[in-house]
PDB file of N, CA and C in Angstrom:
ATOM      1  N   MET A   1     108.174  90.639  97.150  1.00  0.00           N
ATOM      2  CA  MET A   1     108.067  92.050  96.876  1.00  0.00           C
ATOM      3  C   MET A   1     106.577  92.435  96.884  1.00  0.00           C
ATOM      4  N   THR A   2     106.264  93.520  97.555  1.00  0.00           N
ATOM      5  CA  THR A   2     104.865  93.934  97.640  1.00  0.00           C
ATOM      6  C   THR A   2     104.549  94.941  96.548  1.00  0.00           C
ATOM      7  N   ALA A   3     103.385  94.788  95.998  1.00  0.00           N
ATOM      8  CA  ALA A   3     102.940  95.726  94.957  1.00  0.00           C
ATOM      9  C   ALA A   3     102.341  96.957  95.618  1.00  0.00           C
ATOM     10  N   LYS A   4     102.648  98.103  95.091  1.00  0.00           N
ATOM     11  CA  LYS A   4     102.104  99.343  95.627  1.00  0.00           C
ATOM     12  C   LYS A   4     100.686  99.529  95.122  1.00  0.00           C
ATOM     13  N   ARG A   5      99.799  99.797  96.059  1.00  0.00           N
ATOM     14  CA  ARG A   5      98.413 100.025  95.677  1.00  0.00           C
ATOM     15  C   ARG A   5      98.272 101.422  95.111  1.00  0.00           C
ATOM     16  N   SER A   6      97.455 101.529  94.080  1.00  0.00           N
ATOM     17  CA  SER A   6      97.329 102.813  93.392  1.00  0.00           C
ATOM     18  C   SER A   6      96.476 103.813  94.159  1.00  0.00           C
ATOM     19  N   ASN A   7      95.720 103.373  95.173  1.00  0.00           N
ATOM     20  CA  ASN A   7      94.836 104.287  95.875  1.00  0.00           C
ATOM     21  C   ASN A   7      95.410 104.777  97.210  1.00  0.00           C
ATOM     22  N   ASP A   8      96.651 104.471  97.520  1.00  0.00           N
ATOM     23  CA  ASP A   8      97.227 104.899  98.792  1.00  0.00           C
ATOM     24  C   ASP A   8      97.240 106.418  98.930  1.00  0.00           C
ATOM     25  N   GLN A   9      97.689 107.124  97.918  1.00  0.00           N
ATOM     26  CA  GLN A   9      97.757 108.588  97.993  1.00  0.00           C
ATOM     27  C   GLN A   9      96.374 109.216  98.031  1.00  0.00           C
ATOM     28  N   ARG A  10      95.450 108.621  97.291  1.00  0.00           N
ATOM     29  CA  ARG A  10      94.082 109.141  97.316  1.00  0.00           C
ATOM     30  C   ARG A  10      93.471 108.997  98.697  1.00  0.00           C
ATOM     31  N   ALA A  11      93.715 107.883  99.356  1.00  0.00           N
ATOM     32  CA  ALA A  11      93.169 107.653 100.695  1.00  0.00           C
ATOM     33  C   ALA A  11      93.761 108.645 101.685  1.00  0.00           C
ATOM     34  N   ARG A  12      95.039 108.958 101.535  1.00  0.00           N
ATOM     35  CA  ARG A  12      95.686 109.887 102.469  1.00  0.00           C
ATOM     36  C   ARG A  12      95.288 111.331 102.220  1.00  0.00           C
ATOM     37  N   ALA A  13      94.715 111.615 101.097  1.00  0.00           N
ATOM     38  CA  ALA A  13      94.263 112.967 100.801  1.00  0.00           C
ATOM     39  C   ALA A  13      92.829 113.201 101.279  1.00  0.00           C
ATOM     40  N   HIS A  14      92.151 112.153 101.692  1.00  0.00           N
ATOM     41  CA  HIS A  14      90.751 112.265 102.124  1.00  0.00           C
ATOM     42  C   HIS A  14      90.684 112.907 103.520  1.00  0.00           C
ATOM     43  N   PRO A  15      89.719 113.802 103.753  1.00  0.00           N
ATOM     44  CA  PRO A  15      89.587 114.444 105.063  1.00  0.00           C
ATOM     45  C   PRO A  15      89.407 113.450 106.218  1.00  0.00           C
ATOM     46  N   ALA A  16      88.790 112.308 105.962  1.00  0.00           N
ATOM     47  CA  ALA A  16      88.598 111.323 107.029  1.00  0.00           C
ATOM     48  C   ALA A  16      89.932 110.755 107.495  1.00  0.00           C
ATOM     49  N   TYR A  17      90.895 110.631 106.583  1.00  0.00           N
ATOM     50  CA  TYR A  17      92.228 110.166 106.985  1.00  0.00           C
ATOM     51  C   TYR A  17      92.875 111.159 107.926  1.00  0.00           C
ATOM     52  N   TRP A  18      92.742 112.450 107.640  1.00  0.00           N
ATOM     53  CA  TRP A  18      93.337 113.463 108.500  1.00  0.00           C
ATOM     54  C   TRP A  18      92.626 113.541 109.847  1.00  0.00           C
ATOM     55  N   ALA A  19      91.316 113.316 109.849  1.00  0.00           N
ATOM     56  CA  ALA A  19      90.572 113.268 111.110  1.00  0.00           C
ATOM     57  C   ALA A  19      91.043 112.084 111.948  1.00  0.00           C
ATOM     58  N   PHE A  20      91.242 110.935 111.304  1.00  0.00           N
ATOM     59  CA  PHE A  20      91.767 109.757 111.986  1.00  0.00           C
ATOM     60  C   PHE A  20      93.151 110.049 112.565  1.00  0.00           C
ATOM     61  N   LEU A  21      94.009 110.674 111.762  1.00  0.00           N
ATOM     62  CA  LEU A  21      95.370 110.958 112.196  1.00  0.00           C
ATOM     63  C   LEU A  21      95.385 111.942 113.362  1.00  0.00           C
ATOM     64  N   LEU A  22      94.583 113.000 113.293  1.00  0.00           N
ATOM     65  CA  LEU A  22      94.502 113.958 114.399  1.00  0.00           C
ATOM     66  C   LEU A  22      93.997 113.303 115.673  1.00  0.00           C
ATOM     67  N   HIS A  23      93.013 112.420 115.542  1.00  0.00           N
ATOM     68  CA  HIS A  23      92.478 111.741 116.716  1.00  0.00           C
ATOM     69  C   HIS A  23      93.540 110.847 117.356  1.00  0.00           C
ATOM     70  N   ARG A  24      94.263 110.111 116.542  1.00  0.00           N
ATOM     71  CA  ARG A  24      95.315 109.235 117.077  1.00  0.00           C
ATOM     72  C   ARG A  24      96.468 110.029 117.684  1.00  0.00           C
ATOM     73  N   LEU A  25      96.918 111.079 116.997  1.00  0.00           N
ATOM     74  CA  LEU A  25      98.038 111.862 117.511  1.00  0.00           C
ATOM     75  C   LEU A  25      97.663 112.633 118.774  1.00  0.00           C
ATOM     76  N   SER A  26      96.437 113.122 118.846  1.00  0.00           N
ATOM     77  CA  SER A  26      96.020 113.815 120.067  1.00  0.00           C
ATOM     78  C   SER A  26      95.939 112.828 121.227  1.00  0.00           C
ATOM     79  N   GLY A  27      95.488 111.611 120.971  1.00  0.00           N
ATOM     80  CA  GLY A  27      95.472 110.587 122.017  1.00  0.00           C
ATOM     81  C   GLY A  27      96.870 110.244 122.485  1.00  0.00           C
ATOM     82  N   LEU A  28      97.810 110.152 121.555  1.00  0.00           N
ATOM     83  CA  LEU A  28      99.197 109.884 121.911  1.00  0.00           C
ATOM     84  C   LEU A  28      99.779 111.035 122.732  1.00  0.00           C
ATOM     85  N   GLY A  29      99.497 112.268 122.322  1.00  0.00           N
ATOM     86  CA  GLY A  29      99.971 113.428 123.076  1.00  0.00           C
ATOM     87  C   GLY A  29      99.414 113.462 124.489  1.00  0.00           C
ATOM     88  N   LEU A  30      98.150 113.117 124.639  1.00  0.00           N
ATOM     89  CA  LEU A  30      97.549 113.077 125.965  1.00  0.00           C
ATOM     90  C   LEU A  30      98.151 111.969 126.816  1.00  0.00           C
ATOM     91  N   ALA A  31      98.428 110.830 126.206  1.00  0.00           N
ATOM     92  CA  ALA A  31      99.054 109.731 126.945  1.00  0.00           C
ATOM     93  C   ALA A  31     100.466 110.108 127.402  1.00  0.00           C
ATOM     94  N   LEU A  32     101.191 110.853 126.579  1.00  0.00           N
ATOM     95  CA  LEU A  32     102.535 111.285 126.959  1.00  0.00           C
ATOM     96  C   LEU A  32     102.493 112.349 128.053  1.00  0.00           C
ATOM     97  N   PHE A  33     101.379 113.082 128.142  1.00  0.00           N
ATOM     98  CA  PHE A  33     101.230 114.114 129.163  1.00  0.00           C
ATOM     99  C   PHE A  33     100.992 113.519 130.556  1.00  0.00           C
ATOM    100  N   LEU A  34     100.382 112.345 130.625  1.00  0.00           N
ATOM    101  CA  LEU A  34      99.984 111.785 131.909  1.00  0.00           C
ATOM    102  C   LEU A  34     101.122 111.648 132.930  1.00  0.00           C
ATOM    103  N   PRO A  35     102.302 111.153 132.575  1.00  0.00           N
ATOM    104  CA  PRO A  35     103.365 111.081 133.591  1.00  0.00           C
ATOM    105  C   PRO A  35     103.729 112.452 134.170  1.00  0.00           C
ATOM    106  N   LEU A  36     103.753 113.480 133.338  1.00  0.00           N
ATOM    107  CA  LEU A  36     104.031 114.830 133.835  1.00  0.00           C
ATOM    108  C   LEU A  36     102.929 115.285 134.783  1.00  0.00           C
ATOM    109  N   HIS A  37     101.703 114.964 134.453  1.00  0.00           N
ATOM    110  CA  HIS A  37     100.577 115.336 135.310  1.00  0.00           C
ATOM    111  C   HIS A  37     100.674 114.631 136.664  1.00  0.00           C
ATOM    112  N   PHE A  38     100.984 113.341 136.651  1.00  0.00           N
ATOM    113  CA  PHE A  38     101.122 112.614 137.911  1.00  0.00           C
ATOM    114  C   PHE A  38     102.297 113.132 138.725  1.00  0.00           C
ATOM    115  N   TRP A  39     103.374 113.515 138.056  1.00  0.00           N
ATOM    116  CA  TRP A  39     104.514 114.099 138.767  1.00  0.00           C
ATOM    117  C   TRP A  39     104.103 115.409 139.439  1.00  0.00           C
ATOM    118  N   ALA A  40     103.352 116.237 138.731  1.00  0.00           N
ATOM    119  CA  ALA A  40     102.906 117.513 139.296  1.00  0.00           C
ATOM    120  C   ALA A  40     101.997 117.286 140.495  1.00  0.00           C
ATOM    121  N   LEU A  41     101.101 116.330 140.394  1.00  0.00           N
ATOM    122  CA  LEU A  41     100.240 116.026 141.535  1.00  0.00           C
ATOM    123  C   LEU A  41     101.043 115.475 142.711  1.00  0.00           C
ATOM    124  N   GLY A  42     102.074 114.723 142.401  1.00  0.00           N
ATOM    125  CA  GLY A  42     102.925 114.166 143.448  1.00  0.00           C
ATOM    126  C   GLY A  42     103.697 115.225 144.218  1.00  0.00           C
ATOM    127  N   GLN A  43     103.877 116.393 143.654  1.00  0.00           N
ATOM    128  CA  GLN A  43     104.593 117.462 144.350  1.00  0.00           C
ATOM    129  C   GLN A  43     103.832 117.901 145.608  1.00  0.00           C
ATOM    130  N   ALA A  44     102.531 117.794 145.598  1.00  0.00           N
ATOM    131  CA  ALA A  44     101.732 118.166 146.772  1.00  0.00           C
ATOM    132  C   ALA A  44     102.007 117.222 147.935  1.00  0.00           C
ATOM    133  N   ILE A  45     102.358 115.976 147.638  1.00  0.00           N
ATOM    134  CA  ILE A  45     102.649 115.001 148.693  1.00  0.00           C
ATOM    135  C   ILE A  45     103.949 115.350 149.402  1.00  0.00           C
ATOM    136  N   HIS A  46     104.890 115.955 148.680  1.00  0.00           N
ATOM    137  CA  HIS A  46     106.203 116.270 149.241  1.00  0.00           C
ATOM    138  C   HIS A  46     106.206 117.548 150.062  1.00  0.00           C
ATOM    139  N   GLY A  47     105.091 118.203 150.186  1.00  0.00           N
ATOM    140  CA  GLY A  47     105.008 119.387 151.038  1.00  0.00           C
ATOM    141  C   GLY A  47     104.735 120.655 150.256  1.00  0.00           C
ATOM    142  N   ALA A  48     104.493 121.705 151.011  1.00  0.00           N
ATOM    143  CA  ALA A  48     104.115 122.993 150.417  1.00  0.00           C
ATOM    144  C   ALA A  48     105.249 123.601 149.610  1.00  0.00           C
ATOM    145  N   ALA A  49     106.504 123.425 150.060  1.00  0.00           N
ATOM    146  CA  ALA A  49     107.634 124.033 149.348  1.00  0.00           C
ATOM    147  C   ALA A  49     107.787 123.429 147.947  1.00  0.00           C
ATOM    148  N   ALA A  50     107.650 122.122 147.839  1.00  0.00           N
ATOM    149  CA  ALA A  50     107.779 121.462 146.536  1.00  0.00           C
ATOM    150  C   ALA A  50     106.638 121.875 145.612  1.00  0.00           C
ATOM    151  N   LEU A  51     105.429 121.971 146.167  1.00  0.00           N
ATOM    152  CA  LEU A  51     104.293 122.389 145.363  1.00  0.00           C
ATOM    153  C   LEU A  51     104.433 123.841 144.924  1.00  0.00           C
ATOM    154  N   ASP A  52     104.917 124.706 145.820  1.00  0.00           N
ATOM    155  CA  ASP A  52     105.130 126.111 145.450  1.00  0.00           C
ATOM    156  C   ASP A  52     106.172 126.241 144.349  1.00  0.00           C
ATOM    157  N   GLY A  53     107.210 125.425 144.409  1.00  0.00           N
ATOM    158  CA  GLY A  53     108.226 125.443 143.353  1.00  0.00           C
ATOM    159  C   GLY A  53     107.643 125.055 142.011  1.00  0.00           C
ATOM    160  N   PHE A  54     106.780 124.040 142.010  1.00  0.00           N
ATOM    161  CA  PHE A  54     106.139 123.643 140.764  1.00  0.00           C
ATOM    162  C   PHE A  54     105.192 124.731 140.269  1.00  0.00           C
ATOM    163  N   LEU A  55     104.464 125.366 141.163  1.00  0.00           N
ATOM    164  CA  LEU A  55     103.526 126.407 140.755  1.00  0.00           C
ATOM    165  C   LEU A  55     104.252 127.618 140.168  1.00  0.00           C
ATOM    166  N   ARG A  56     105.456 127.905 140.675  1.00  0.00           N
ATOM    167  CA  ARG A  56     106.258 128.980 140.070  1.00  0.00           C
ATOM    168  C   ARG A  56     106.673 128.593 138.649  1.00  0.00           C
ATOM    169  N   LEU A  57     107.026 127.347 138.472  1.00  0.00           N
ATOM    170  CA  LEU A  57     107.375 126.859 137.135  1.00  0.00           C
ATOM    171  C   LEU A  57     106.153 126.933 136.205  1.00  0.00           C
ATOM    172  N   ALA A  58     104.988 126.593 136.727  1.00  0.00           N
ATOM    173  CA  ALA A  58     103.766 126.585 135.918  1.00  0.00           C
ATOM    174  C   ALA A  58     103.309 127.988 135.537  1.00  0.00           C
ATOM    175  N   ASP A  59     103.878 129.004 136.159  1.00  0.00           N
ATOM    176  CA  ASP A  59     103.491 130.378 135.852  1.00  0.00           C
ATOM    177  C   ASP A  59     104.317 130.975 134.703  1.00  0.00           C
ATOM    178  N   GLN A  60     105.261 130.209 134.150  1.00  0.00           N
ATOM    179  CA  GLN A  60     106.112 130.672 133.062  1.00  0.00           C
ATOM    180  C   GLN A  60     105.336 130.672 131.735  1.00  0.00           C
ATOM    181  N   PRO A  61     105.673 131.584 130.807  1.00  0.00           N
ATOM    182  CA  PRO A  61     104.951 131.664 129.525  1.00  0.00           C
ATOM    183  C   PRO A  61     105.010 130.371 128.701  1.00  0.00           C
ATOM    184  N   LEU A  62     106.134 129.684 128.716  1.00  0.00           N
ATOM    185  CA  LEU A  62     106.240 128.439 127.953  1.00  0.00           C
ATOM    186  C   LEU A  62     105.277 127.382 128.505  1.00  0.00           C
ATOM    187  N   PHE A  63     105.130 127.366 129.813  1.00  0.00           N
ATOM    188  CA  PHE A  63     104.209 126.435 130.445  1.00  0.00           C
ATOM    189  C   PHE A  63     102.766 126.778 130.084  1.00  0.00           C
ATOM    190  N   LYS A  64     102.474 128.071 130.013  1.00  0.00           N
ATOM    191  CA  LYS A  64     101.126 128.502 129.616  1.00  0.00           C
ATOM    192  C   LYS A  64     100.828 128.058 128.181  1.00  0.00           C
ATOM    193  N   LEU A  65     101.828 128.152 127.324  1.00  0.00           N
ATOM    194  CA  LEU A  65     101.665 127.695 125.947  1.00  0.00           C
ATOM    195  C   LEU A  65     101.403 126.187 125.913  1.00  0.00           C
ATOM    196  N   ALA A  66     102.109 125.451 126.764  1.00  0.00           N
ATOM    197  CA  ALA A  66     101.896 124.005 126.840  1.00  0.00           C
ATOM    198  C   ALA A  66     100.491 123.695 127.356  1.00  0.00           C
ATOM    199  N   GLU A  67     100.001 124.479 128.302  1.00  0.00           N
ATOM    200  CA  GLU A  67      98.626 124.287 128.795  1.00  0.00           C
ATOM    201  C   GLU A  67      97.619 124.518 127.671  1.00  0.00           C
ATOM    202  N   TRP A  68      97.873 125.527 126.860  1.00  0.00           N
ATOM    203  CA  TRP A  68      97.000 125.795 125.723  1.00  0.00           C
ATOM    204  C   TRP A  68      97.011 124.600 124.772  1.00  0.00           C
ATOM    205  N   GLY A  69      98.202 124.072 124.502  1.00  0.00           N
ATOM    206  CA  GLY A  69      98.313 122.901 123.641  1.00  0.00           C
ATOM    207  C   GLY A  69      97.557 121.705 124.205  1.00  0.00           C
ATOM    208  N   LEU A  70      97.592 121.557 125.511  1.00  0.00           N
ATOM    209  CA  LEU A  70      96.868 120.468 126.155  1.00  0.00           C
ATOM    210  C   LEU A  70      95.359 120.624 125.973  1.00  0.00           C
ATOM    211  N   VAL A  71      94.866 121.844 126.112  1.00  0.00           N
ATOM    212  CA  VAL A  71      93.431 122.080 125.909  1.00  0.00           C
ATOM    213  C   VAL A  71      93.044 121.776 124.461  1.00  0.00           C
ATOM    214  N   VAL A  72      93.876 122.170 123.527  1.00  0.00           N
ATOM    215  CA  VAL A  72      93.589 121.880 122.112  1.00  0.00           C
ATOM    216  C   VAL A  72      93.608 120.363 121.872  1.00  0.00           C
ATOM    217  N   LEU A  73      94.586 119.667 122.441  1.00  0.00           N
ATOM    218  CA  LEU A  73      94.638 118.211 122.297  1.00  0.00           C
ATOM    219  C   LEU A  73      93.401 117.550 122.889  1.00  0.00           C
ATOM    220  N   LEU A  74      93.007 117.993 124.081  1.00  0.00           N
ATOM    221  CA  LEU A  74      91.816 117.427 124.717  1.00  0.00           C
ATOM    222  C   LEU A  74      90.567 117.657 123.874  1.00  0.00           C
ATOM    223  N   SER A  75      90.402 118.863 123.364  1.00  0.00           N
ATOM    224  CA  SER A  75      89.198 119.141 122.581  1.00  0.00           C
ATOM    225  C   SER A  75      89.224 118.409 121.241  1.00  0.00           C
ATOM    226  N   LEU A  76      90.392 118.307 120.609  1.00  0.00           N
ATOM    227  CA  LEU A  76      90.495 117.528 119.370  1.00  0.00           C
ATOM    228  C   LEU A  76      90.142 116.065 119.607  1.00  0.00           C
ATOM    229  N   HIS A  77      90.689 115.514 120.677  1.00  0.00           N
ATOM    230  CA  HIS A  77      90.447 114.109 120.957  1.00  0.00           C
ATOM    231  C   HIS A  77      88.981 113.870 121.334  1.00  0.00           C
ATOM    232  N   LEU A  78      88.424 114.778 122.111  1.00  0.00           N
ATOM    233  CA  LEU A  78      87.018 114.661 122.490  1.00  0.00           C
ATOM    234  C   LEU A  78      86.119 114.683 121.260  1.00  0.00           C
ATOM    235  N   MET A  79      86.311 115.676 120.418  1.00  0.00           N
ATOM    236  CA  MET A  79      85.440 115.800 119.255  1.00  0.00           C
ATOM    237  C   MET A  79      85.712 114.696 118.228  1.00  0.00           C
ATOM    238  N   GLY A  80      86.944 114.236 118.145  1.00  0.00           N
ATOM    239  CA  GLY A  80      87.227 113.098 117.265  1.00  0.00           C
ATOM    240  C   GLY A  80      86.505 111.848 117.738  1.00  0.00           C
ATOM    241  N   GLY A  81      86.461 111.650 119.045  1.00  0.00           N
ATOM    242  CA  GLY A  81      85.738 110.510 119.600  1.00  0.00           C
ATOM    243  C   GLY A  81      84.240 110.630 119.393  1.00  0.00           C
ATOM    244  N   VAL A  82      83.710 111.829 119.591  1.00  0.00           N
ATOM    245  CA  VAL A  82      82.277 112.056 119.352  1.00  0.00           C
ATOM    246  C   VAL A  82      81.956 111.815 117.878  1.00  0.00           C
ATOM    247  N   ARG A  83      82.824 112.284 116.993  1.00  0.00           N
ATOM    248  CA  ARG A  83      82.633 112.070 115.559  1.00  0.00           C
ATOM    249  C   ARG A  83      82.569 110.584 115.238  1.00  0.00           C
ATOM    250  N   LEU A  84      83.494 109.808 115.820  1.00  0.00           N
ATOM    251  CA  LEU A  84      83.487 108.368 115.577  1.00  0.00           C
ATOM    252  C   LEU A  84      82.217 107.710 116.104  1.00  0.00           C
ATOM    253  N   LEU A  85      81.778 108.118 117.284  1.00  0.00           N
ATOM    254  CA  LEU A  85      80.544 107.561 117.832  1.00  0.00           C
ATOM    255  C   LEU A  85      79.341 107.888 116.956  1.00  0.00           C
ATOM    256  N   LEU A  86      79.278 109.114 116.464  1.00  0.00           N
ATOM    257  CA  LEU A  86      78.166 109.496 115.610  1.00  0.00           C
ATOM    258  C   LEU A  86      78.180 108.742 114.280  1.00  0.00           C
ATOM    259  N   ILE A  87      79.361 108.520 113.760  1.00  0.00           N
ATOM    260  CA  ILE A  87      79.469 107.768 112.503  1.00  0.00           C
ATOM    261  C   ILE A  87      79.077 106.307 112.733  1.00  0.00           C
ATOM    262  N   GLU A  88      79.555 105.715 113.828  1.00  0.00           N
ATOM    263  CA  GLU A  88      79.288 104.307 114.085  1.00  0.00           C
ATOM    264  C   GLU A  88      77.833 104.042 114.451  1.00  0.00           C
ATOM    265  N   PHE A  89      77.268 104.907 115.290  1.00  0.00           N
ATOM    266  CA  PHE A  89      75.938 104.633 115.812  1.00  0.00           C
ATOM    267  C   PHE A  89      74.859 105.545 115.257  1.00  0.00           C
ATOM    268  N   GLY A  90      75.251 106.564 114.496  1.00  0.00           N
ATOM    269  CA  GLY A  90      74.274 107.492 113.944  1.00  0.00           C
ATOM    270  C   GLY A  90      73.637 106.971 112.673  1.00  0.00           C
ATOM    271  N   GLN A  91      72.518 107.552 112.345  1.00  0.00           N
ATOM    272  CA  GLN A  91      71.797 107.137 111.146  1.00  0.00           C
ATOM    273  C   GLN A  91      72.310 107.843 109.892  1.00  0.00           C
ATOM    274  N   ALA A  92      72.840 109.049 110.046  1.00  0.00           N
ATOM    275  CA  ALA A  92      73.270 109.848 108.888  1.00  0.00           C
ATOM    276  C   ALA A  92      74.732 109.572 108.586  1.00  0.00           C
ATOM    277  N   SER A  93      75.004 108.549 107.791  1.00  0.00           N
ATOM    278  CA  SER A  93      76.392 108.190 107.501  1.00  0.00           C
ATOM    279  C   SER A  93      77.000 109.058 106.408  1.00  0.00           C
ATOM    280  N   GLY A  94      76.195 109.822 105.689  1.00  0.00           N
ATOM    281  CA  GLY A  94      76.721 110.644 104.614  1.00  0.00           C
ATOM    282  C   GLY A  94      77.271 111.979 105.071  1.00  0.00           C
ATOM    283  N   LEU A  95      77.256 112.235 106.371  1.00  0.00           N
ATOM    284  CA  LEU A  95      77.699 113.536 106.881  1.00  0.00           C
ATOM    285  C   LEU A  95      79.109 113.490 107.458  1.00  0.00           C
ATOM    286  N   ARG A  96      79.937 112.593 107.023  1.00  0.00           N
ATOM    287  CA  ARG A  96      81.266 112.422 107.611  1.00  0.00           C
ATOM    288  C   ARG A  96      82.114 113.685 107.519  1.00  0.00           C
ATOM    289  N   LYS A  97      82.115 114.350 106.384  1.00  0.00           N
ATOM    290  CA  LYS A  97      82.911 115.574 106.250  1.00  0.00           C
ATOM    291  C   LYS A  97      82.384 116.672 107.147  1.00  0.00           C
ATOM    292  N   ASN A  98      81.079 116.723 107.344  1.00  0.00           N
ATOM    293  CA  ASN A  98      80.508 117.719 108.246  1.00  0.00           C
ATOM    294  C   ASN A  98      80.961 117.480 109.682  1.00  0.00           C
ATOM    295  N   TRP A  99      81.021 116.224 110.105  1.00  0.00           N
ATOM    296  CA  TRP A  99      81.464 115.934 111.468  1.00  0.00           C
ATOM    297  C   TRP A  99      82.933 116.293 111.647  1.00  0.00           C
ATOM    298  N   ILE A 100      83.731 116.100 110.613  1.00  0.00           N
ATOM    299  CA  ILE A 100      85.138 116.487 110.685  1.00  0.00           C
ATOM    300  C   ILE A 100      85.242 117.994 110.879  1.00  0.00           C
ATOM    301  N   SER A 101      84.474 118.743 110.125  1.00  0.00           N
ATOM    302  CA  SER A 101      84.501 120.204 110.241  1.00  0.00           C
ATOM    303  C   SER A 101      84.046 120.658 111.622  1.00  0.00           C
ATOM    304  N   VAL A 102      83.008 120.041 112.143  1.00  0.00           N
ATOM    305  CA  VAL A 102      82.520 120.387 113.482  1.00  0.00           C
ATOM    306  C   VAL A 102      83.582 120.081 114.530  1.00  0.00           C
ATOM    307  N   ALA A 103      84.242 118.925 114.418  1.00  0.00           N
ATOM    308  CA  ALA A 103      85.259 118.534 115.393  1.00  0.00           C
ATOM    309  C   ALA A 103      86.435 119.508 115.395  1.00  0.00           C
ATOM    310  N   VAL A 104      86.930 119.846 114.224  1.00  0.00           N
ATOM    311  CA  VAL A 104      88.066 120.771 114.134  1.00  0.00           C
ATOM    312  C   VAL A 104      87.647 122.175 114.569  1.00  0.00           C
ATOM    313  N   GLY A 105      86.455 122.595 114.201  1.00  0.00           N
ATOM    314  CA  GLY A 105      85.963 123.912 114.614  1.00  0.00           C
ATOM    315  C   GLY A 105      85.803 124.014 116.115  1.00  0.00           C
ATOM    316  N   PHE A 106      85.272 122.970 116.751  1.00  0.00           N
ATOM    317  CA  PHE A 106      85.120 122.969 118.207  1.00  0.00           C
ATOM    318  C   PHE A 106      86.477 123.040 118.885  1.00  0.00           C
ATOM    319  N   ALA A 107      87.440 122.262 118.381  1.00  0.00           N
ATOM    320  CA  ALA A 107      88.780 122.264 118.975  1.00  0.00           C
ATOM    321  C   ALA A 107      89.427 123.638 118.839  1.00  0.00           C
ATOM    322  N   ALA A 108      89.278 124.265 117.685  1.00  0.00           N
ATOM    323  CA  ALA A 108      89.842 125.605 117.485  1.00  0.00           C
ATOM    324  C   ALA A 108      89.176 126.615 118.410  1.00  0.00           C
ATOM    325  N   ALA A 109      87.860 126.527 118.559  1.00  0.00           N
ATOM    326  CA  ALA A 109      87.147 127.455 119.442  1.00  0.00           C
ATOM    327  C   ALA A 109      87.569 127.265 120.896  1.00  0.00           C
ATOM    328  N   ALA A 110      87.697 126.022 121.324  1.00  0.00           N
ATOM    329  CA  ALA A 110      88.123 125.763 122.702  1.00  0.00           C
ATOM    330  C   ALA A 110      89.530 126.293 122.935  1.00  0.00           C
ATOM    331  N   GLY A 111      90.424 126.106 121.964  1.00  0.00           N
ATOM    332  CA  GLY A 111      91.781 126.626 122.094  1.00  0.00           C
ATOM    333  C   GLY A 111      91.819 128.144 122.155  1.00  0.00           C
ATOM    334  N   LEU A 112      90.993 128.795 121.345  1.00  0.00           N
ATOM    335  CA  LEU A 112      90.940 130.260 121.360  1.00  0.00           C
ATOM    336  C   LEU A 112      90.377 130.797 122.669  1.00  0.00           C
ATOM    337  N   VAL A 113      89.327 130.161 123.165  1.00  0.00           N
ATOM    338  CA  VAL A 113      88.753 130.597 124.444  1.00  0.00           C
ATOM    339  C   VAL A 113      89.772 130.444 125.561  1.00  0.00           C
ATOM    340  N   PHE A 114      90.488 129.324 125.583  1.00  0.00           N
ATOM    341  CA  PHE A 114      91.493 129.121 126.615  1.00  0.00           C
ATOM    342  C   PHE A 114      92.643 130.120 126.470  1.00  0.00           C
ATOM    343  N   ALA A 115      93.071 130.375 125.235  1.00  0.00           N
ATOM    344  CA  ALA A 115      94.150 131.346 125.014  1.00  0.00           C
ATOM    345  C   ALA A 115      93.729 132.737 125.488  1.00  0.00           C
ATOM    346  N   LEU A 116      92.498 133.104 125.230  1.00  0.00           N
ATOM    347  CA  LEU A 116      92.011 134.408 125.701  1.00  0.00           C
ATOM    348  C   LEU A 116      91.960 134.466 127.225  1.00  0.00           C
ATOM    349  N   SER A 117      91.647 133.355 127.873  1.00  0.00           N
ATOM    350  CA  SER A 117      91.602 133.344 129.340  1.00  0.00           C
ATOM    351  C   SER A 117      93.000 133.470 129.939  1.00  0.00           C
ATOM    352  N   LEU A 118      94.023 133.060 129.202  1.00  0.00           N
ATOM    353  CA  LEU A 118      95.391 133.189 129.713  1.00  0.00           C
ATOM    354  C   LEU A 118      95.825 134.645 129.786  1.00  0.00           C
ATOM    355  N   TRP A 119      95.349 135.461 128.862  1.00  0.00           N
ATOM    356  CA  TRP A 119      95.767 136.863 128.819  1.00  0.00           C
ATOM    357  C   TRP A 119      94.802 137.788 129.550  1.00  0.00           C
ATOM    358  N   ALA A 120      93.689 137.253 130.003  1.00  0.00           N
ATOM    359  CA  ALA A 120      92.710 138.087 130.696  1.00  0.00           C
ATOM    360  C   ALA A 120      93.070 138.279 132.149  1.00  0.00           C
TER     361      ALA A 120
END
């Protein structure tokens, strides 16, 4: 029987845990997107009609929402990776919460800019 550690809940409440979780989940989401991306690129090989059919599908509002989600995932994962690099190789190790805020803020800004470009 394993003993429950008393600091498990405290660790999960820390902002660094949530930054870790967002980075991992965004990476997983991007990995799951890759087969769909390769399928879409493969439509060009099958001729203009197949590619046009996919492009009509990509013009639907739900698809636009998915594109927005992809941009948010990419920016979250990018900034999470930059945050990790700065923590590992940077001199200022006491700024971890600041890097989390910068990463989430950048991802939100990138998502908003992309969302605005969809309606423009």
